[in-house]
Amino acid sequence: MTEDEMRKRLEILRVEHRDLDAAIGALEENPSDQLRVARLKKRKLLLKDQIMLIEDALIPDIIA
């Protein structure tokens, strides 16, 4: 994956992460949707892990 592709993928993941955050906030008000909230939170954590991996790959290792 090229650097440009990684940056595009990173932006897509960030947008999806923000969207999930909004969806979780809306669903948390309804106690009957707790299973759905749990699934969305799990997905959000997976997205965060993917974001971190791509960010780590984009940031060069600099020895100080």
PDB file of N, CA and C in Angstrom:
ATOM      1  N   MET A   1       0.855  -1.172   0.000  1.00  0.00           N
ATOM      2  CA  MET A   1       0.000   0.000   0.000  1.00  0.00           C
ATOM      3  C   MET A   1       0.906   1.242   0.000  1.00  0.00           C
ATOM      4  N   THR A   2       0.644   2.159  -0.911  1.00  0.00           N
ATOM      5  CA  THR A   2       1.448   3.373  -0.988  1.00  0.00           C
ATOM      6  C   THR A   2       1.048   4.339   0.120  1.00  0.00           C
ATOM      7  N   GLU A   3       1.869   5.352   0.321  1.00  0.00           N
ATOM      8  CA  GLU A   3       1.589   6.341   1.362  1.00  0.00           C
ATOM      9  C   GLU A   3       0.276   7.077   1.094  1.00  0.00           C
ATOM     10  N   ASP A   4       0.016   7.413  -0.162  1.00  0.00           N
ATOM     11  CA  ASP A   4      -1.238   8.094  -0.500  1.00  0.00           C
ATOM     12  C   ASP A   4      -2.443   7.211  -0.210  1.00  0.00           C
ATOM     13  N   GLU A   5      -2.331   5.936  -0.554  1.00  0.00           N
ATOM     14  CA  GLU A   5      -3.421   5.004  -0.270  1.00  0.00           C
ATOM     15  C   GLU A   5      -3.649   4.866   1.232  1.00  0.00           C
ATOM     16  N   MET A   6      -2.548   4.851   1.979  1.00  0.00           N
ATOM     17  CA  MET A   6      -2.662   4.755   3.440  1.00  0.00           C
ATOM     18  C   MET A   6      -3.356   5.989   4.018  1.00  0.00           C
ATOM     19  N   ARG A   7      -3.013   7.150   3.494  1.00  0.00           N
ATOM     20  CA  ARG A   7      -3.636   8.396   3.980  1.00  0.00           C
ATOM     21  C   ARG A   7      -5.128   8.435   3.657  1.00  0.00           C
ATOM     22  N   LYS A   8      -5.499   7.963   2.469  1.00  0.00           N
ATOM     23  CA  LYS A   8      -6.915   7.914   2.100  1.00  0.00           C
ATOM     24  C   LYS A   8      -7.673   6.938   2.988  1.00  0.00           C
ATOM     25  N   ARG A   9      -7.076   5.767   3.214  1.00  0.00           N
ATOM     26  CA  ARG A   9      -7.691   4.756   4.075  1.00  0.00           C
ATOM     27  C   ARG A   9      -7.836   5.288   5.498  1.00  0.00           C
ATOM     28  N   LEU A  10      -6.826   6.010   5.961  1.00  0.00           N
ATOM     29  CA  LEU A  10      -6.857   6.599   7.300  1.00  0.00           C
ATOM     30  C   LEU A  10      -8.013   7.582   7.438  1.00  0.00           C
ATOM     31  N   GLU A  11      -8.216   8.404   6.434  1.00  0.00           N
ATOM     32  CA  GLU A  11      -9.318   9.370   6.484  1.00  0.00           C
ATOM     33  C   GLU A  11     -10.670   8.658   6.490  1.00  0.00           C
ATOM     34  N   ILE A  12     -10.808   7.613   5.695  1.00  0.00           N
ATOM     35  CA  ILE A  12     -12.057   6.836   5.667  1.00  0.00           C
ATOM     36  C   ILE A  12     -12.330   6.223   7.033  1.00  0.00           C
ATOM     37  N   LEU A  13     -11.292   5.661   7.637  1.00  0.00           N
ATOM     38  CA  LEU A  13     -11.457   5.053   8.960  1.00  0.00           C
ATOM     39  C   LEU A  13     -11.836   6.092  10.017  1.00  0.00           C
ATOM     40  N   ARG A  14     -11.224   7.257   9.947  1.00  0.00           N
ATOM     41  CA  ARG A  14     -11.546   8.327  10.915  1.00  0.00           C
ATOM     42  C   ARG A  14     -13.000   8.780  10.782  1.00  0.00           C
ATOM     43  N   VAL A  15     -13.477   8.903   9.549  1.00  0.00           N
ATOM     44  CA  VAL A  15     -14.866   9.309   9.330  1.00  0.00           C
ATOM     45  C   VAL A  15     -15.816   8.248   9.879  1.00  0.00           C
ATOM     46  N   GLU A  16     -15.517   6.976   9.600  1.00  0.00           N
ATOM     47  CA  GLU A  16     -16.365   5.899  10.107  1.00  0.00           C
ATOM     48  C   GLU A  16     -16.342   5.869  11.631  1.00  0.00           C
ATOM     49  N   HIS A  17     -15.175   6.126  12.217  1.00  0.00           N
ATOM     50  CA  HIS A  17     -15.045   6.149  13.682  1.00  0.00           C
ATOM     51  C   HIS A  17     -15.925   7.253  14.277  1.00  0.00           C
ATOM     52  N   ARG A  18     -15.896   8.438  13.673  1.00  0.00           N
ATOM     53  CA  ARG A  18     -16.738   9.550  14.147  1.00  0.00           C
ATOM     54  C   ARG A  18     -18.227   9.224  13.986  1.00  0.00           C
ATOM     55  N   ASP A  19     -18.578   8.611  12.869  1.00  0.00           N
ATOM     56  CA  ASP A  19     -19.974   8.241  12.626  1.00  0.00           C
ATOM     57  C   ASP A  19     -20.462   7.227  13.660  1.00  0.00           C
ATOM     58  N   LEU A  20     -19.611   6.265  13.983  1.00  0.00           N
ATOM     59  CA  LEU A  20     -19.983   5.281  14.997  1.00  0.00           C
ATOM     60  C   LEU A  20     -20.161   5.945  16.355  1.00  0.00           C
ATOM     61  N   ASP A  21     -19.325   6.904  16.651  1.00  0.00           N
ATOM     62  CA  ASP A  21     -19.434   7.630  17.915  1.00  0.00           C
ATOM     63  C   ASP A  21     -20.798   8.304  18.023  1.00  0.00           C
ATOM     64  N   ALA A  22     -21.231   8.927  16.945  1.00  0.00           N
ATOM     65  CA  ALA A  22     -22.537   9.591  16.939  1.00  0.00           C
ATOM     66  C   ALA A  22     -23.671   8.565  17.049  1.00  0.00           C
ATOM     67  N   ALA A  23     -23.542   7.461  16.352  1.00  0.00           N
ATOM     68  CA  ALA A  23     -24.575   6.418  16.391  1.00  0.00           C
ATOM     69  C   ALA A  23     -24.675   5.817  17.788  1.00  0.00           C
ATOM     70  N   ILE A  24     -23.548   5.569  18.411  1.00  0.00           N
ATOM     71  CA  ILE A  24     -23.541   5.009  19.763  1.00  0.00           C
ATOM     72  C   ILE A  24     -24.203   5.974  20.734  1.00  0.00           C
ATOM     73  N   GLY A  25     -23.884   7.240  20.609  1.00  0.00           N
ATOM     74  CA  GLY A  25     -24.493   8.251  21.478  1.00  0.00           C
ATOM     75  C   GLY A  25     -26.003   8.271  21.352  1.00  0.00           C
ATOM     76  N   ALA A  26     -26.500   8.147  20.149  1.00  0.00           N
ATOM     77  CA  ALA A  26     -27.947   8.159  19.938  1.00  0.00           C
ATOM     78  C   ALA A  26     -28.606   6.887  20.464  1.00  0.00           C
ATOM     79  N   LEU A  27     -27.950   5.748  20.286  1.00  0.00           N
ATOM     80  CA  LEU A  27     -28.534   4.476  20.701  1.00  0.00           C
ATOM     81  C   LEU A  27     -28.461   4.250  22.209  1.00  0.00           C
ATOM     82  N   GLU A  28     -27.511   4.863  22.876  1.00  0.00           N
ATOM     83  CA  GLU A  28     -27.359   4.651  24.310  1.00  0.00           C
ATOM     84  C   GLU A  28     -28.553   5.155  25.109  1.00  0.00           C
ATOM     85  N   GLU A  29     -29.339   6.014  24.515  1.00  0.00           N
ATOM     86  CA  GLU A  29     -30.522   6.540  25.195  1.00  0.00           C
ATOM     87  C   GLU A  29     -31.639   5.500  25.283  1.00  0.00           C
ATOM     88  N   ASN A  30     -31.578   4.479  24.438  1.00  0.00           N
ATOM     89  CA  ASN A  30     -32.608   3.450  24.402  1.00  0.00           C
ATOM     90  C   ASN A  30     -32.064   2.159  25.017  1.00  0.00           C
ATOM     91  N   PRO A  31     -32.563   1.767  26.187  1.00  0.00           N
ATOM     92  CA  PRO A  31     -32.019   0.578  26.863  1.00  0.00           C
ATOM     93  C   PRO A  31     -32.231  -0.729  26.101  1.00  0.00           C
ATOM     94  N   SER A  32     -33.162  -0.785  25.189  1.00  0.00           N
ATOM     95  CA  SER A  32     -33.418  -2.031  24.452  1.00  0.00           C
ATOM     96  C   SER A  32     -32.376  -2.281  23.359  1.00  0.00           C
ATOM     97  N   ASP A  33     -31.536  -1.302  23.069  1.00  0.00           N
ATOM     98  CA  ASP A  33     -30.532  -1.443  22.004  1.00  0.00           C
ATOM     99  C   ASP A  33     -29.128  -1.702  22.554  1.00  0.00           C
ATOM    100  N   GLN A  34     -29.028  -2.255  23.756  1.00  0.00           N
ATOM    101  CA  GLN A  34     -27.714  -2.420  24.373  1.00  0.00           C
ATOM    102  C   GLN A  34     -26.812  -3.402  23.610  1.00  0.00           C
ATOM    103  N   LEU A  35     -27.393  -4.437  23.040  1.00  0.00           N
ATOM    104  CA  LEU A  35     -26.596  -5.378  22.255  1.00  0.00           C
ATOM    105  C   LEU A  35     -26.023  -4.685  21.018  1.00  0.00           C
ATOM    106  N   ARG A  36     -26.854  -3.893  20.381  1.00  0.00           N
ATOM    107  CA  ARG A  36     -26.395  -3.150  19.201  1.00  0.00           C
ATOM    108  C   ARG A  36     -25.305  -2.149  19.591  1.00  0.00           C
ATOM    109  N   VAL A  37     -25.474  -1.488  20.727  1.00  0.00           N
ATOM    110  CA  VAL A  37     -24.467  -0.535  21.215  1.00  0.00           C
ATOM    111  C   VAL A  37     -23.148  -1.266  21.456  1.00  0.00           C
ATOM    112  N   ALA A  38     -23.211  -2.429  22.086  1.00  0.00           N
ATOM    113  CA  ALA A  38     -21.999  -3.200  22.354  1.00  0.00           C
ATOM    114  C   ALA A  38     -21.287  -3.582  21.063  1.00  0.00           C
ATOM    115  N   ARG A  39     -22.040  -3.982  20.057  1.00  0.00           N
ATOM    116  CA  ARG A  39     -21.439  -4.347  18.768  1.00  0.00           C
ATOM    117  C   ARG A  39     -20.788  -3.136  18.095  1.00  0.00           C
ATOM    118  N   LEU A  40     -21.468  -1.989  18.167  1.00  0.00           N
ATOM    119  CA  LEU A  40     -20.905  -0.780  17.570  1.00  0.00           C
ATOM    120  C   LEU A  40     -19.637  -0.342  18.304  1.00  0.00           C
ATOM    121  N   LYS A  41     -19.626  -0.489  19.620  1.00  0.00           N
ATOM    122  CA  LYS A  41     -18.437  -0.132  20.399  1.00  0.00           C
ATOM    123  C   LYS A  41     -17.267  -1.044  20.038  1.00  0.00           C
ATOM    124  N   LYS A  42     -17.547  -2.314  19.830  1.00  0.00           N
ATOM    125  CA  LYS A  42     -16.500  -3.252  19.429  1.00  0.00           C
ATOM    126  C   LYS A  42     -15.936  -2.861  18.064  1.00  0.00           C
ATOM    127  N   ARG A  43     -16.828  -2.538  17.145  1.00  0.00           N
ATOM    128  CA  ARG A  43     -16.398  -2.097  15.810  1.00  0.00           C
ATOM    129  C   ARG A  43     -15.558  -0.823  15.913  1.00  0.00           C
ATOM    130  N   LYS A  44     -15.975   0.085  16.781  1.00  0.00           N
ATOM    131  CA  LYS A  44     -15.256   1.345  16.966  1.00  0.00           C
ATOM    132  C   LYS A  44     -13.840   1.080  17.486  1.00  0.00           C
ATOM    133  N   LEU A  45     -13.693   0.140  18.406  1.00  0.00           N
ATOM    134  CA  LEU A  45     -12.368  -0.211  18.916  1.00  0.00           C
ATOM    135  C   LEU A  45     -11.489  -0.828  17.831  1.00  0.00           C
ATOM    136  N   LEU A  46     -12.081  -1.659  16.989  1.00  0.00           N
ATOM    137  CA  LEU A  46     -11.323  -2.240  15.881  1.00  0.00           C
ATOM    138  C   LEU A  46     -10.847  -1.157  14.913  1.00  0.00           C
ATOM    139  N   LEU A  47     -11.719  -0.181  14.664  1.00  0.00           N
ATOM    140  CA  LEU A  47     -11.335   0.930  13.791  1.00  0.00           C
ATOM    141  C   LEU A  47     -10.191   1.727  14.406  1.00  0.00           C
ATOM    142  N   LYS A  48     -10.268   1.952  15.711  1.00  0.00           N
ATOM    143  CA  LYS A  48      -9.214   2.700  16.388  1.00  0.00           C
ATOM    144  C   LYS A  48      -7.881   1.973  16.269  1.00  0.00           C
ATOM    145  N   ASP A  49      -7.899   0.652  16.404  1.00  0.00           N
ATOM    146  CA  ASP A  49      -6.678  -0.134  16.253  1.00  0.00           C
ATOM    147  C   ASP A  49      -6.110  -0.009  14.841  1.00  0.00           C
ATOM    148  N   GLN A  50      -6.993  -0.060  13.837  1.00  0.00           N
ATOM    149  CA  GLN A  50      -6.542   0.079  12.452  1.00  0.00           C
ATOM    150  C   GLN A  50      -5.967   1.471  12.210  1.00  0.00           C
ATOM    151  N   ILE A  51      -6.614   2.483  12.776  1.00  0.00           N
ATOM    152  CA  ILE A  51      -6.126   3.865  12.642  1.00  0.00           C
ATOM    153  C   ILE A  51      -4.729   3.976  13.236  1.00  0.00           C
ATOM    154  N   MET A  52      -4.539   3.412  14.418  1.00  0.00           N
ATOM    155  CA  MET A  52      -3.237   3.477  15.082  1.00  0.00           C
ATOM    156  C   MET A  52      -2.150   2.771  14.255  1.00  0.00           C
ATOM    157  N   LEU A  53      -2.488   1.636  13.670  1.00  0.00           N
ATOM    158  CA  LEU A  53      -1.508   0.908  12.857  1.00  0.00           C
ATOM    159  C   LEU A  53      -1.069   1.734  11.645  1.00  0.00           C
ATOM    160  N   ILE A  54      -2.025   2.347  10.989  1.00  0.00           N
ATOM    161  CA  ILE A  54      -1.694   3.153   9.810  1.00  0.00           C
ATOM    162  C   ILE A  54      -0.909   4.387  10.209  1.00  0.00           C
ATOM    163  N   GLU A  55      -1.321   5.040  11.298  1.00  0.00           N
ATOM    164  CA  GLU A  55      -0.576   6.220  11.760  1.00  0.00           C
ATOM    165  C   GLU A  55       0.869   5.855  12.120  1.00  0.00           C
ATOM    166  N   ASP A  56       1.053   4.716  12.773  1.00  0.00           N
ATOM    167  CA  ASP A  56       2.407   4.270  13.112  1.00  0.00           C
ATOM    168  C   ASP A  56       3.233   3.998  11.868  1.00  0.00           C
ATOM    169  N   ALA A  57       2.606   3.464  10.835  1.00  0.00           N
ATOM    170  CA  ALA A  57       3.312   3.181   9.593  1.00  0.00           C
ATOM    171  C   ALA A  57       3.679   4.469   8.860  1.00  0.00           C
ATOM    172  N   LEU A  58       2.869   5.503   9.008  1.00  0.00           N
ATOM    173  CA  LEU A  58       3.124   6.771   8.303  1.00  0.00           C
ATOM    174  C   LEU A  58       4.165   7.631   9.013  1.00  0.00           C
ATOM    175  N   ILE A  59       4.299   7.469  10.310  1.00  0.00           N
ATOM    176  CA  ILE A  59       5.252   8.278  11.071  1.00  0.00           C
ATOM    177  C   ILE A  59       6.597   7.577  11.052  1.00  0.00           C
ATOM    178  N   PRO A  60       7.613   8.242  10.516  1.00  0.00           N
ATOM    179  CA  PRO A  60       8.940   7.585  10.432  1.00  0.00           C
ATOM    180  C   PRO A  60       9.564   7.432  11.820  1.00  0.00           C
ATOM    181  N   ASP A  61      10.339   6.368  11.978  1.00  0.00           N
ATOM    182  CA  ASP A  61      11.069   6.163  13.218  1.00  0.00           C
ATOM    183  C   ASP A  61      12.278   7.095  13.232  1.00  0.00           C
ATOM    184  N   ILE A  62      12.325   7.957  14.237  1.00  0.00           N
ATOM    185  CA  ILE A  62      13.427   8.896  14.364  1.00  0.00           C
ATOM    186  C   ILE A  62      14.137   8.607  15.683  1.00  0.00           C
ATOM    187  N   ILE A  63      15.399   8.327  15.571  1.00  0.00           N
ATOM    188  CA  ILE A  63      16.194   8.073  16.771  1.00  0.00           C
ATOM    189  C   ILE A  63      16.745   9.401  17.253  1.00  0.00           C
ATOM    190  N   ALA A  64      16.352   9.798  18.446  1.00  0.00           N
ATOM    191  CA  ALA A  64      16.780  11.101  18.980  1.00  0.00           C
ATOM    192  C   ALA A  64      18.133  11.007  19.626  1.00  0.00           C
TER     193      ALA A  64
END
